[in-house]
Amino acid sequence: MSRGRLRARLGGLRRRTVLLWCAAVLALAGGMVFLFYYSAAFTVQDVQSEGAGDEVAARAVELAQIPHGRPLARVSEARVSERVLEDRRIAGVEVERDWPSAVRLVVQEREPAVALRGEGATWLADTSGVVFDEVEEVEDDLPVIALRSDPTGLDRETVTGLVDLWQLRPDDEELEGELGAPRVDADGSIEMEVGVVTLLWGPPVENEKKWNVVTALMGQETIDPQGGLEMTIDVRLPDAPVVTGLPEGTG
């Protein structure tokens, strides 16, 4: 056999070998796709939820809408997360495949920062400004803010401002009296009382500056939250505060 014919035969063998390998790889890939995406070998038989209380966990499983029998590989993490997050009590969720036959939802519940009470209902809100859960009772250590409107109608910026206002408040000694719960009008304007002194706060912005102004004014002898003379401290414009109701001859 000539060298040329030998090289041609060897070349043909190599091509057939490569083709056989390619066919085997394609068959294997096709088999894997069928095994994981279409066969009954790895399908959802159980959906579990952890990281949350019983009620929220059960609701997360319900909202996930993952049917039993669906191949695990075809469970869309993004779509499941979107459905679970429809429950505003849930701040975040991770969707994990637990091979061979389960899906685990790792749920993060929102932590309440304040309670908002208005129009006969009390709602919890977190530090990000999300009003997320209506409740009958409020924990003792949670501040309750009275509204003159529906709590669910507040925007997130107003709610975060309220949280900030309350967290920055001075202690009773600095204010020379106990701070009453803020009242929020429908337009977001806030009023508070310290004894007989009314604080006109405006929207919950520049809270630290406003508190500095209030505590400085409360330190003056002419302003006595425990006295008999009603007064108003207007810090809606903290750079130009206005005090009304001062005794005659002062100001």
Protein backbone atom coordinates (compact mmCIF):
# COMPACT_ATOMS: atom_id res chain seq x y z
CA MET A 1 0.00 0.00 0.00
CA SER A 2 1.37 3.39 -0.99
CA ARG A 3 2.08 6.07 1.55
CA GLY A 4 -0.60 8.35 0.08
CA ARG A 5 -3.31 5.71 0.36
CA LEU A 6 -2.18 4.91 3.92
CA ARG A 7 -2.38 8.58 4.93
CA ALA A 8 -5.84 8.86 3.38
CA ARG A 9 -7.03 5.80 5.27
CA LEU A 10 -5.62 7.11 8.55
CA GLY A 11 -7.22 10.50 7.90
CA GLY A 12 -10.56 8.83 7.32
CA LEU A 13 -10.23 6.87 10.56
CA ARG A 14 -9.49 10.06 12.48
CA ARG A 15 -12.49 11.82 10.98
CA ARG A 16 -14.75 8.90 11.83
CA THR A 17 -13.35 8.83 15.36
CA VAL A 18 -13.99 12.56 15.79
CA LEU A 19 -17.50 12.19 14.41
CA LEU A 20 -18.17 9.29 16.75
CA TRP A 21 -16.91 11.32 19.72
CA CYS A 22 -19.05 14.30 18.70
CA ALA A 23 -22.08 12.08 18.35
CA ALA A 24 -21.42 10.56 21.78
CA VAL A 25 -21.02 14.00 23.39
CA LEU A 26 -24.23 15.26 21.75
CA ALA A 27 -26.07 12.13 22.84
CA LEU A 28 -24.77 12.54 26.39
CA ALA A 29 -25.73 16.23 26.46
CA GLY A 30 -29.15 15.42 25.09
CA GLY A 31 -29.56 12.69 27.67
CA MET A 32 -28.59 15.06 30.47
CA VAL A 33 -31.03 17.70 29.24
CA PHE A 34 -33.80 15.13 29.08
CA LEU A 35 -32.84 13.68 32.49
CA PHE A 36 -32.88 17.01 34.34
CA TYR A 37 -35.47 19.02 32.39
CA TYR A 38 -38.06 16.54 31.14
CA SER A 39 -37.80 13.19 32.91
CA ALA A 40 -39.43 12.25 36.22
CA ALA A 41 -36.08 11.48 37.86
CA PHE A 42 -35.53 14.87 39.55
CA THR A 43 -38.90 16.48 40.13
CA VAL A 44 -40.31 18.61 42.93
CA GLN A 45 -41.86 16.47 45.64
CA ASP A 46 -41.54 18.92 48.54
CA VAL A 47 -41.35 22.71 49.04
CA GLN A 48 -39.96 23.88 52.37
CA SER A 49 -39.60 27.31 53.96
CA GLU A 50 -37.25 28.40 56.72
CA GLY A 51 -36.13 31.58 58.45
CA ALA A 52 -39.62 32.92 59.21
CA GLY A 53 -42.50 32.31 61.60
CA ASP A 54 -45.04 29.61 60.83
CA GLU A 55 -47.64 31.91 59.26
CA VAL A 56 -45.20 33.77 57.01
CA ALA A 57 -43.41 30.54 56.08
CA ALA A 58 -46.66 28.89 55.06
CA ARG A 59 -47.65 31.94 53.04
CA ALA A 60 -44.27 31.92 51.26
CA VAL A 61 -44.81 28.31 50.17
CA GLU A 62 -48.31 29.17 49.00
CA LEU A 63 -47.15 32.19 46.99
CA ALA A 64 -44.23 30.29 45.46
CA GLN A 65 -46.72 28.24 43.39
CA ILE A 66 -44.26 25.44 42.65
CA PRO A 67 -46.29 22.41 41.52
CA HIS A 68 -45.24 18.95 42.61
CA GLY A 69 -43.89 16.97 39.70
CA ARG A 70 -42.17 19.88 37.99
CA PRO A 71 -38.51 19.10 37.13
CA LEU A 72 -36.22 20.86 39.60
CA ALA A 73 -34.09 22.31 36.80
CA ARG A 74 -37.14 24.08 35.36
CA VAL A 75 -38.00 25.95 38.58
CA SER A 76 -37.37 29.64 37.87
CA GLU A 77 -35.73 31.25 40.90
CA ALA A 78 -36.52 34.77 39.67
CA ARG A 79 -40.22 34.09 39.12
CA VAL A 80 -40.61 32.25 42.42
CA SER A 81 -38.88 35.11 44.28
CA GLU A 82 -41.12 37.68 42.61
CA ARG A 83 -44.25 35.82 43.69
CA VAL A 84 -43.06 35.26 47.27
CA LEU A 85 -42.15 38.95 47.68
CA GLU A 86 -45.78 39.88 47.04
CA ASP A 87 -46.12 39.34 50.81
CA ARG A 88 -44.85 42.68 52.13
CA ARG A 89 -43.90 41.02 55.42
CA ILE A 90 -41.05 39.35 53.53
CA ALA A 91 -37.97 41.49 52.90
CA GLY A 92 -36.06 38.90 50.86
CA VAL A 93 -36.02 35.26 49.81
CA GLU A 94 -33.47 32.83 48.42
CA VAL A 95 -34.74 29.93 46.31
CA GLU A 96 -32.53 26.85 46.65
CA ARG A 97 -32.81 23.51 44.86
CA ASP A 98 -32.36 20.63 47.28
CA TRP A 99 -31.57 17.71 44.99
CA PRO A 100 -33.05 15.35 44.14
CA SER A 101 -36.63 16.36 44.88
CA ALA A 102 -37.12 19.50 47.03
CA VAL A 103 -37.06 23.29 46.87
CA ARG A 104 -36.07 25.33 49.92
CA LEU A 105 -37.20 28.92 50.44
CA VAL A 106 -34.94 30.84 52.81
CA VAL A 107 -37.11 33.76 53.94
CA GLN A 108 -36.07 37.02 55.60
CA GLU A 109 -38.90 38.72 57.48
CA ARG A 110 -39.08 42.48 57.89
CA GLU A 111 -38.23 43.85 61.33
CA PRO A 112 -40.69 46.48 62.60
CA ALA A 113 -39.22 49.85 63.56
CA VAL A 114 -42.44 51.74 64.33
CA ALA A 115 -46.17 51.15 64.55
CA LEU A 116 -48.43 53.55 62.66
CA ARG A 117 -51.97 53.97 63.99
CA GLY A 118 -54.68 55.74 62.06
CA GLU A 119 -58.28 55.39 60.88
CA GLY A 120 -58.90 52.52 63.28
CA ALA A 121 -55.99 50.36 62.14
CA THR A 122 -52.42 49.78 63.31
CA TRP A 123 -49.67 48.89 60.85
CA LEU A 124 -46.02 47.97 61.30
CA ALA A 125 -43.29 49.63 59.25
CA ASP A 126 -39.57 48.91 58.94
CA THR A 127 -36.53 51.18 58.66
CA SER A 128 -36.72 51.17 54.86
CA GLY A 129 -40.15 52.80 55.02
CA VAL A 130 -42.25 49.81 54.01
CA VAL A 131 -45.64 49.56 55.73
CA PHE A 132 -46.05 45.81 55.76
CA ASP A 133 -48.40 44.29 58.34
CA GLU A 134 -51.65 45.18 60.09
CA VAL A 135 -51.70 44.06 63.73
CA GLU A 136 -54.08 44.05 66.68
CA GLU A 137 -51.43 44.52 69.38
CA VAL A 138 -48.05 46.23 69.44
CA GLU A 139 -44.97 45.10 71.38
CA ASP A 140 -44.20 47.28 74.40
CA ASP A 141 -40.81 48.47 73.09
CA LEU A 142 -42.16 49.58 69.70
CA PRO A 143 -43.03 53.28 69.33
CA VAL A 144 -46.61 53.98 68.22
CA ILE A 145 -47.13 57.00 65.98
CA ALA A 146 -50.66 58.37 65.67
CA LEU A 147 -51.78 59.45 62.22
CA ARG A 148 -54.71 61.50 61.04
CA SER A 149 -54.86 59.44 57.86
CA ASP A 150 -54.56 55.86 56.60
CA PRO A 151 -51.03 54.54 57.42
CA THR A 152 -50.87 52.69 54.11
CA GLY A 153 -51.19 56.01 52.30
CA LEU A 154 -47.81 57.30 53.54
CA ASP A 155 -44.93 57.23 51.09
CA ARG A 156 -41.69 55.49 52.03
CA GLU A 157 -39.78 58.75 52.43
CA THR A 158 -42.22 59.97 55.08
CA VAL A 159 -42.10 56.68 56.97
CA THR A 160 -38.29 56.56 57.01
CA GLY A 161 -38.31 60.17 58.21
CA LEU A 162 -40.63 59.22 61.08
CA VAL A 163 -38.33 56.36 62.06
CA ASP A 164 -35.34 58.71 61.98
CA LEU A 165 -37.19 61.38 63.99
CA TRP A 166 -38.07 58.92 66.71
CA GLN A 167 -34.65 57.32 66.90
CA LEU A 168 -32.94 60.72 67.22
CA ARG A 169 -35.28 62.07 69.92
CA PRO A 170 -33.58 63.38 73.08
CA ASP A 171 -34.31 61.80 76.42
CA ASP A 172 -37.00 63.22 78.69
CA GLU A 173 -34.46 65.04 80.90
CA GLU A 174 -33.18 67.10 77.96
CA LEU A 175 -36.73 67.94 76.95
CA GLU A 176 -37.76 68.57 80.57
CA GLY A 177 -40.81 66.41 80.04
CA GLU A 178 -42.17 63.32 78.36
CA LEU A 179 -42.46 63.44 74.57
CA GLY A 180 -45.89 62.49 73.30
CA ALA A 181 -46.39 60.31 70.24
CA PRO A 182 -46.13 62.25 66.97
CA ARG A 183 -49.32 63.02 65.09
CA VAL A 184 -49.06 63.03 61.32
CA ASP A 185 -51.49 64.91 59.11
CA ALA A 186 -52.49 63.71 55.67
CA ASP A 187 -49.92 66.06 54.10
CA GLY A 188 -47.10 64.56 56.20
CA SER A 189 -46.82 67.47 58.66
CA ILE A 190 -46.02 66.41 62.22
CA GLU A 191 -47.00 67.76 65.63
CA MET A 192 -45.82 66.60 69.05
CA GLU A 193 -46.28 67.68 72.66
CA VAL A 194 -43.91 67.92 75.57
CA GLY A 195 -46.13 68.81 78.48
CA VAL A 196 -47.85 72.10 77.58
CA VAL A 197 -45.42 72.83 74.72
CA THR A 198 -46.53 71.93 71.19
CA LEU A 199 -43.84 71.21 68.60
CA LEU A 200 -44.71 72.09 65.01
CA TRP A 201 -42.30 69.90 63.10
CA GLY A 202 -43.45 69.99 59.51
CA PRO A 203 -42.34 67.02 57.39
CA PRO A 204 -39.85 64.59 58.99
CA VAL A 205 -36.72 66.06 57.41
CA GLU A 206 -33.63 67.68 58.97
CA ASN A 207 -34.58 65.84 62.13
CA GLU A 208 -31.24 66.15 63.90
CA LYS A 209 -31.08 69.91 63.30
CA LYS A 210 -34.65 70.36 64.52
CA TRP A 211 -33.99 68.38 67.70
CA ASN A 212 -30.91 70.51 68.40
CA VAL A 213 -33.03 73.65 68.08
CA VAL A 214 -35.79 72.24 70.31
CA THR A 215 -33.44 71.13 73.09
CA ALA A 216 -31.67 74.52 73.03
CA LEU A 217 -35.00 76.33 73.36
CA MET A 218 -36.22 73.99 76.08
CA GLY A 219 -33.18 74.98 78.11
CA GLN A 220 -34.34 78.59 78.35
CA GLU A 221 -35.96 79.69 81.61
CA THR A 222 -38.94 81.24 79.83
CA ILE A 223 -39.99 77.90 78.33
CA ASP A 224 -41.35 75.44 80.87
CA PRO A 225 -43.09 72.31 79.53
CA GLN A 226 -44.38 71.61 83.05
CA GLY A 227 -45.68 75.13 83.68
CA GLY A 228 -49.18 76.48 83.23
CA LEU A 229 -48.55 78.51 80.09
CA GLU A 230 -49.21 76.80 76.77
CA MET A 231 -46.58 77.49 74.13
CA THR A 232 -45.72 76.50 70.58
CA ILE A 233 -42.28 75.90 69.14
CA ASP A 234 -42.31 76.00 65.35
CA VAL A 235 -39.24 74.34 63.80
CA ARG A 236 -40.66 73.75 60.37
CA LEU A 237 -37.84 76.06 59.26
CA PRO A 238 -35.11 75.06 61.74
CA ASP A 239 -32.86 77.97 60.78
CA ALA A 240 -35.64 80.39 61.75
CA PRO A 241 -37.60 78.85 64.65
CA VAL A 242 -40.61 80.65 66.05
CA VAL A 243 -41.82 80.48 69.66
CA THR A 244 -45.32 81.68 70.50
CA GLY A 245 -47.06 81.94 73.89
CA LEU A 246 -44.07 83.32 75.78
CA PRO A 247 -44.83 85.35 78.92
CA GLU A 248 -45.29 89.05 78.29
CA GLY A 249 -42.09 91.00 78.31
CA THR A 250 -40.01 88.14 76.85
CA GLY A 251 -39.23 87.14 73.31
